[in-house]
């Protein structure tokens, strides 16, 4: 039982590099999504047609990041990743808010 986690703990100090890479990848994906977004949604029809394409794609990217992060089975990495995800979600929300008509 003493061996459990001792090998993976050797990588703890290097996991910030992984988190930085995830941050960079999500940031680049978000920039590309926002660049291609038309900001048009269907007024009626299928519910998924009434959602910005960039929103759907952003959540797919975050889900993939989550799956990669959980595969590592390291709580500290997931904690840092949730900060990265929150940062990009706030940036996306700000951009969507800028596109909304003034009240």
N, C-alpha and C. Protein backbone atom coordinates (compact mmCIF):
# COMPACT_ATOMS: atom_id res chain seq x y z
N UNK A 1 0.82 -1.19 0.00
CA UNK A 1 0.00 0.00 0.00
C UNK A 1 0.87 1.26 0.00
N UNK A 2 2.08 1.15 0.53
CA UNK A 2 2.98 2.30 0.59
C UNK A 2 3.42 2.72 -0.81
N UNK A 3 3.43 1.80 -1.74
CA UNK A 3 3.86 2.08 -3.11
C UNK A 3 2.78 2.81 -3.91
N UNK A 4 1.54 2.63 -3.47
CA UNK A 4 0.41 3.24 -4.17
C UNK A 4 0.56 4.76 -4.19
N UNK A 5 0.65 5.34 -5.36
CA UNK A 5 0.75 6.78 -5.52
C UNK A 5 2.17 7.32 -5.45
N UNK A 6 3.12 6.51 -5.05
CA UNK A 6 4.49 7.02 -4.92
C UNK A 6 5.12 7.33 -6.27
N UNK A 7 4.81 6.55 -7.27
CA UNK A 7 5.37 6.81 -8.60
C UNK A 7 4.71 8.03 -9.23
N UNK A 8 3.38 8.08 -9.17
CA UNK A 8 2.68 9.22 -9.80
C UNK A 8 3.00 10.53 -9.07
N UNK A 9 3.30 10.46 -7.79
CA UNK A 9 3.63 11.69 -7.05
C UNK A 9 4.92 12.31 -7.55
N UNK A 10 5.76 11.55 -8.22
CA UNK A 10 7.00 12.09 -8.80
C UNK A 10 6.69 13.11 -9.89
N UNK A 11 5.51 13.02 -10.48
CA UNK A 11 5.15 13.91 -11.58
C UNK A 11 4.40 15.15 -11.12
N UNK A 12 4.03 15.21 -9.86
CA UNK A 12 3.23 16.33 -9.34
C UNK A 12 3.80 17.69 -9.69
N UNK A 13 5.08 17.87 -9.51
CA UNK A 13 5.68 19.18 -9.73
C UNK A 13 5.73 19.57 -11.21
N UNK A 14 5.51 18.61 -12.09
CA UNK A 14 5.56 18.88 -13.52
C UNK A 14 4.18 19.04 -14.15
N UNK A 15 3.13 18.83 -13.36
CA UNK A 15 1.78 18.85 -13.91
C UNK A 15 1.32 20.25 -14.28
N UNK A 16 1.98 21.27 -13.79
CA UNK A 16 1.61 22.63 -14.18
C UNK A 16 1.86 22.84 -15.68
N UNK A 17 2.82 22.11 -16.22
CA UNK A 17 3.09 22.17 -17.66
C UNK A 17 1.88 21.62 -18.42
N UNK A 18 1.33 20.52 -17.92
CA UNK A 18 0.14 19.92 -18.54
C UNK A 18 -1.04 20.89 -18.48
N UNK A 19 -1.24 21.49 -17.32
CA UNK A 19 -2.35 22.43 -17.14
C UNK A 19 -2.18 23.62 -18.08
N UNK A 20 -0.97 24.11 -18.21
CA UNK A 20 -0.68 25.24 -19.12
C UNK A 20 -0.98 24.86 -20.57
N UNK A 21 -0.66 23.65 -20.93
CA UNK A 21 -0.95 23.17 -22.28
C UNK A 21 -2.44 23.10 -22.53
N UNK A 22 -3.18 22.58 -21.57
CA UNK A 22 -4.65 22.53 -21.70
C UNK A 22 -5.21 23.95 -21.85
N UNK A 23 -4.69 24.87 -21.03
CA UNK A 23 -5.12 26.26 -21.08
C UNK A 23 -4.88 26.84 -22.48
N UNK A 24 -3.70 26.59 -23.00
CA UNK A 24 -3.35 27.11 -24.33
C UNK A 24 -4.25 26.51 -25.40
N UNK A 25 -4.47 25.19 -25.34
CA UNK A 25 -5.29 24.52 -26.35
C UNK A 25 -6.73 25.03 -26.32
N UNK A 26 -7.28 25.17 -25.13
CA UNK A 26 -8.66 25.66 -25.02
C UNK A 26 -8.74 27.11 -25.49
N UNK A 27 -7.76 27.91 -25.12
CA UNK A 27 -7.73 29.30 -25.55
C UNK A 27 -7.67 29.44 -27.06
N UNK A 28 -6.82 28.63 -27.69
CA UNK A 28 -6.72 28.67 -29.15
C UNK A 28 -8.00 28.19 -29.80
N UNK A 29 -8.60 27.13 -29.25
CA UNK A 29 -9.86 26.62 -29.79
C UNK A 29 -10.96 27.67 -29.65
N UNK A 30 -11.02 28.34 -28.51
CA UNK A 30 -12.04 29.37 -28.29
C UNK A 30 -11.86 30.53 -29.25
N UNK A 31 -10.62 30.96 -29.44
CA UNK A 31 -10.37 32.07 -30.37
C UNK A 31 -10.83 31.71 -31.78
N UNK A 32 -10.56 30.49 -32.19
CA UNK A 32 -10.96 30.03 -33.52
C UNK A 32 -12.49 29.95 -33.62
N UNK A 33 -13.14 29.45 -32.56
CA UNK A 33 -14.59 29.35 -32.55
C UNK A 33 -15.24 30.73 -32.63
N UNK A 34 -14.71 31.67 -31.87
CA UNK A 34 -15.28 33.03 -31.86
C UNK A 34 -15.07 33.72 -33.20
N UNK A 35 -13.95 33.44 -33.82
CA UNK A 35 -13.66 34.03 -35.13
C UNK A 35 -14.66 33.55 -36.18
N UNK A 36 -15.06 32.30 -36.08
CA UNK A 36 -15.98 31.74 -37.07
C UNK A 36 -17.45 31.84 -36.70
N UNK A 37 -17.75 32.37 -35.53
CA UNK A 37 -19.14 32.44 -35.07
C UNK A 37 -19.91 33.51 -35.86
N UNK A 38 -21.12 33.13 -36.28
CA UNK A 38 -21.97 34.05 -37.03
C UNK A 38 -22.88 34.86 -36.10
N UNK A 39 -23.03 34.39 -34.86
CA UNK A 39 -23.90 35.00 -33.86
C UNK A 39 -25.36 34.99 -34.31
N UNK A 40 -25.70 34.03 -35.15
CA UNK A 40 -27.08 33.85 -35.61
C UNK A 40 -27.58 32.49 -35.11
N UNK A 41 -28.81 32.47 -34.63
CA UNK A 41 -29.43 31.22 -34.22
C UNK A 41 -30.81 31.13 -34.85
N UNK A 42 -31.29 29.92 -34.99
CA UNK A 42 -32.61 29.71 -35.56
C UNK A 42 -33.67 30.13 -34.54
N UNK A 43 -34.66 30.85 -34.99
CA UNK A 43 -35.73 31.31 -34.10
C UNK A 43 -36.64 30.16 -33.70
N UNK A 44 -36.71 29.13 -34.53
CA UNK A 44 -37.57 27.98 -34.26
C UNK A 44 -36.86 26.74 -34.76
N UNK A 45 -37.50 25.62 -34.56
CA UNK A 45 -36.92 24.37 -35.04
C UNK A 45 -36.29 23.58 -33.90
N UNK A 46 -35.31 22.77 -34.25
CA UNK A 46 -34.67 21.91 -33.26
C UNK A 46 -34.01 22.76 -32.17
N UNK A 47 -34.11 22.31 -30.94
CA UNK A 47 -33.51 23.08 -29.84
C UNK A 47 -32.01 23.33 -30.02
N UNK A 48 -31.28 22.38 -30.59
CA UNK A 48 -29.84 22.59 -30.75
C UNK A 48 -29.54 23.60 -31.85
N UNK A 49 -30.53 23.94 -32.66
CA UNK A 49 -30.37 24.97 -33.67
C UNK A 49 -30.51 26.37 -33.09
N UNK A 50 -30.96 26.43 -31.84
CA UNK A 50 -31.15 27.72 -31.18
C UNK A 50 -30.00 28.04 -30.21
N UNK A 51 -28.88 27.38 -30.44
CA UNK A 51 -27.69 27.57 -29.60
C UNK A 51 -26.54 27.97 -30.51
N UNK A 52 -25.71 28.90 -30.08
CA UNK A 52 -24.55 29.28 -30.88
C UNK A 52 -23.66 28.07 -31.11
N UNK A 53 -23.18 27.95 -32.33
CA UNK A 53 -22.27 26.85 -32.67
C UNK A 53 -21.04 26.89 -31.79
N UNK A 54 -20.53 28.06 -31.53
CA UNK A 54 -19.33 28.18 -30.69
C UNK A 54 -19.58 27.65 -29.28
N UNK A 55 -20.79 27.81 -28.78
CA UNK A 55 -21.13 27.31 -27.45
C UNK A 55 -21.06 25.80 -27.41
N UNK A 56 -21.67 25.18 -28.41
CA UNK A 56 -21.65 23.71 -28.46
C UNK A 56 -20.22 23.20 -28.57
N UNK A 57 -19.44 23.81 -29.44
CA UNK A 57 -18.06 23.37 -29.65
C UNK A 57 -17.17 23.63 -28.43
N UNK A 58 -17.42 24.73 -27.73
CA UNK A 58 -16.65 25.01 -26.52
C UNK A 58 -16.90 23.94 -25.47
N UNK A 59 -18.15 23.56 -25.28
CA UNK A 59 -18.45 22.54 -24.28
C UNK A 59 -17.91 21.17 -24.69
N UNK A 60 -17.85 20.91 -25.96
CA UNK A 60 -17.22 19.66 -26.42
C UNK A 60 -15.73 19.69 -26.09
N UNK A 61 -15.08 20.83 -26.32
CA UNK A 61 -13.65 20.96 -26.01
C UNK A 61 -13.41 20.81 -24.51
N UNK A 62 -14.28 21.40 -23.69
CA UNK A 62 -14.13 21.29 -22.24
C UNK A 62 -14.35 19.85 -21.77
N UNK A 63 -15.29 19.17 -22.40
CA UNK A 63 -15.55 17.77 -22.04
C UNK A 63 -14.33 16.90 -22.36
N UNK A 64 -13.72 17.14 -23.50
CA UNK A 64 -12.51 16.39 -23.86
C UNK A 64 -11.38 16.67 -22.86
N UNK A 65 -11.24 17.93 -22.49
CA UNK A 65 -10.22 18.30 -21.51
C UNK A 65 -10.50 17.61 -20.18
N UNK A 66 -11.76 17.57 -19.79
CA UNK A 66 -12.14 16.90 -18.55
C UNK A 66 -11.79 15.42 -18.59
N UNK A 67 -12.08 14.77 -19.71
CA UNK A 67 -11.77 13.34 -19.84
C UNK A 67 -10.27 13.09 -19.75
N UNK A 68 -9.49 13.96 -20.40
CA UNK A 68 -8.03 13.82 -20.31
C UNK A 68 -7.55 14.03 -18.88
N UNK A 69 -8.13 15.01 -18.22
CA UNK A 69 -7.73 15.31 -16.84
C UNK A 69 -8.10 14.22 -15.86
N UNK A 70 -9.29 13.65 -16.01
CA UNK A 70 -9.71 12.61 -15.08
C UNK A 70 -8.93 11.32 -15.31
N UNK A 71 -8.44 11.12 -16.52
CA UNK A 71 -7.64 9.92 -16.79
C UNK A 71 -6.34 9.92 -15.99
N UNK A 72 -5.88 11.10 -15.61
CA UNK A 72 -4.65 11.21 -14.82
C UNK A 72 -4.86 10.83 -13.36
N UNK A 73 -6.09 10.88 -12.90
CA UNK A 73 -6.45 10.54 -11.52
C UNK A 73 -5.62 11.32 -10.51
N UNK A 74 -5.49 12.62 -10.74
CA UNK A 74 -4.74 13.49 -9.84
C UNK A 74 -5.63 14.66 -9.45
N UNK A 75 -6.02 14.70 -8.19
CA UNK A 75 -6.94 15.73 -7.71
C UNK A 75 -6.42 17.15 -7.93
N UNK A 76 -5.14 17.36 -7.70
CA UNK A 76 -4.57 18.70 -7.84
C UNK A 76 -4.66 19.19 -9.28
N UNK A 77 -4.49 18.28 -10.23
CA UNK A 77 -4.58 18.64 -11.65
C UNK A 77 -6.01 19.04 -11.98
N UNK A 78 -6.98 18.26 -11.52
CA UNK A 78 -8.38 18.61 -11.78
C UNK A 78 -8.74 19.95 -11.15
N UNK A 79 -8.21 20.21 -9.97
CA UNK A 79 -8.48 21.48 -9.32
C UNK A 79 -7.95 22.64 -10.16
N UNK A 80 -6.76 22.50 -10.67
CA UNK A 80 -6.18 23.55 -11.52
C UNK A 80 -6.92 23.66 -12.85
N UNK A 81 -7.33 22.52 -13.41
CA UNK A 81 -8.07 22.53 -14.67
C UNK A 81 -9.41 23.23 -14.53
N UNK A 82 -10.08 23.06 -13.39
CA UNK A 82 -11.38 23.73 -13.23
C UNK A 82 -11.20 25.24 -13.25
N UNK A 83 -10.05 25.72 -12.79
CA UNK A 83 -9.78 27.16 -12.88
C UNK A 83 -9.61 27.59 -14.34
N UNK A 84 -8.92 26.76 -15.11
CA UNK A 84 -8.73 27.03 -16.54
C UNK A 84 -10.07 27.05 -17.25
N UNK A 85 -10.89 26.04 -17.00
CA UNK A 85 -12.20 25.96 -17.64
C UNK A 85 -13.04 27.18 -17.27
N UNK A 86 -13.03 27.55 -16.01
CA UNK A 86 -13.79 28.73 -15.56
C UNK A 86 -13.32 29.99 -16.25
N UNK A 87 -12.01 30.13 -16.41
CA UNK A 87 -11.45 31.31 -17.08
C UNK A 87 -11.97 31.42 -18.50
N UNK A 88 -11.99 30.32 -19.21
CA UNK A 88 -12.44 30.34 -20.61
C UNK A 88 -13.95 30.48 -20.72
N UNK A 89 -14.69 29.92 -19.78
CA UNK A 89 -16.14 30.11 -19.78
C UNK A 89 -16.50 31.57 -19.50
N UNK A 90 -15.78 32.20 -18.57
CA UNK A 90 -16.03 33.62 -18.30
C UNK A 90 -15.69 34.48 -19.52
N UNK A 91 -14.61 34.14 -20.20
CA UNK A 91 -14.23 34.89 -21.41
C UNK A 91 -15.30 34.74 -22.48
N UNK A 92 -15.81 33.53 -22.62
CA UNK A 92 -16.86 33.28 -23.62
C UNK A 92 -18.13 34.04 -23.24
N UNK A 93 -18.50 33.99 -21.97
CA UNK A 93 -19.71 34.69 -21.51
C UNK A 93 -19.58 36.19 -21.77
N UNK A 94 -18.41 36.73 -21.53
CA UNK A 94 -18.18 38.17 -21.78
C UNK A 94 -18.38 38.48 -23.26
N UNK A 95 -17.86 37.62 -24.11
CA UNK A 95 -18.00 37.84 -25.56
C UNK A 95 -19.46 37.75 -26.00
N UNK A 96 -20.18 36.79 -25.46
CA UNK A 96 -21.61 36.66 -25.79
C UNK A 96 -22.36 37.89 -25.30
N UNK A 97 -22.04 38.34 -24.10
CA UNK A 97 -22.69 39.51 -23.54
C UNK A 97 -22.45 40.76 -24.39
N UNK A 98 -21.26 40.86 -24.97
CA UNK A 98 -20.95 41.99 -25.84
C UNK A 98 -21.82 41.99 -27.10
N UNK A 99 -22.25 40.80 -27.51
CA UNK A 99 -23.06 40.67 -28.73
C UNK A 99 -24.55 40.87 -28.47
N UNK A 100 -24.95 40.87 -27.22
CA UNK A 100 -26.37 41.06 -26.91
C UNK A 100 -26.77 42.51 -27.15
N UNK A 101 -28.01 42.72 -27.57
CA UNK A 101 -28.46 44.10 -27.75
C UNK A 101 -28.55 44.80 -26.41
N UNK A 102 -28.31 46.09 -26.42
CA UNK A 102 -28.38 46.89 -25.19
C UNK A 102 -29.81 46.91 -24.68
N UNK A 103 -30.00 46.88 -23.36
CA UNK A 103 -31.36 46.87 -22.79
C UNK A 103 -32.06 48.20 -22.98
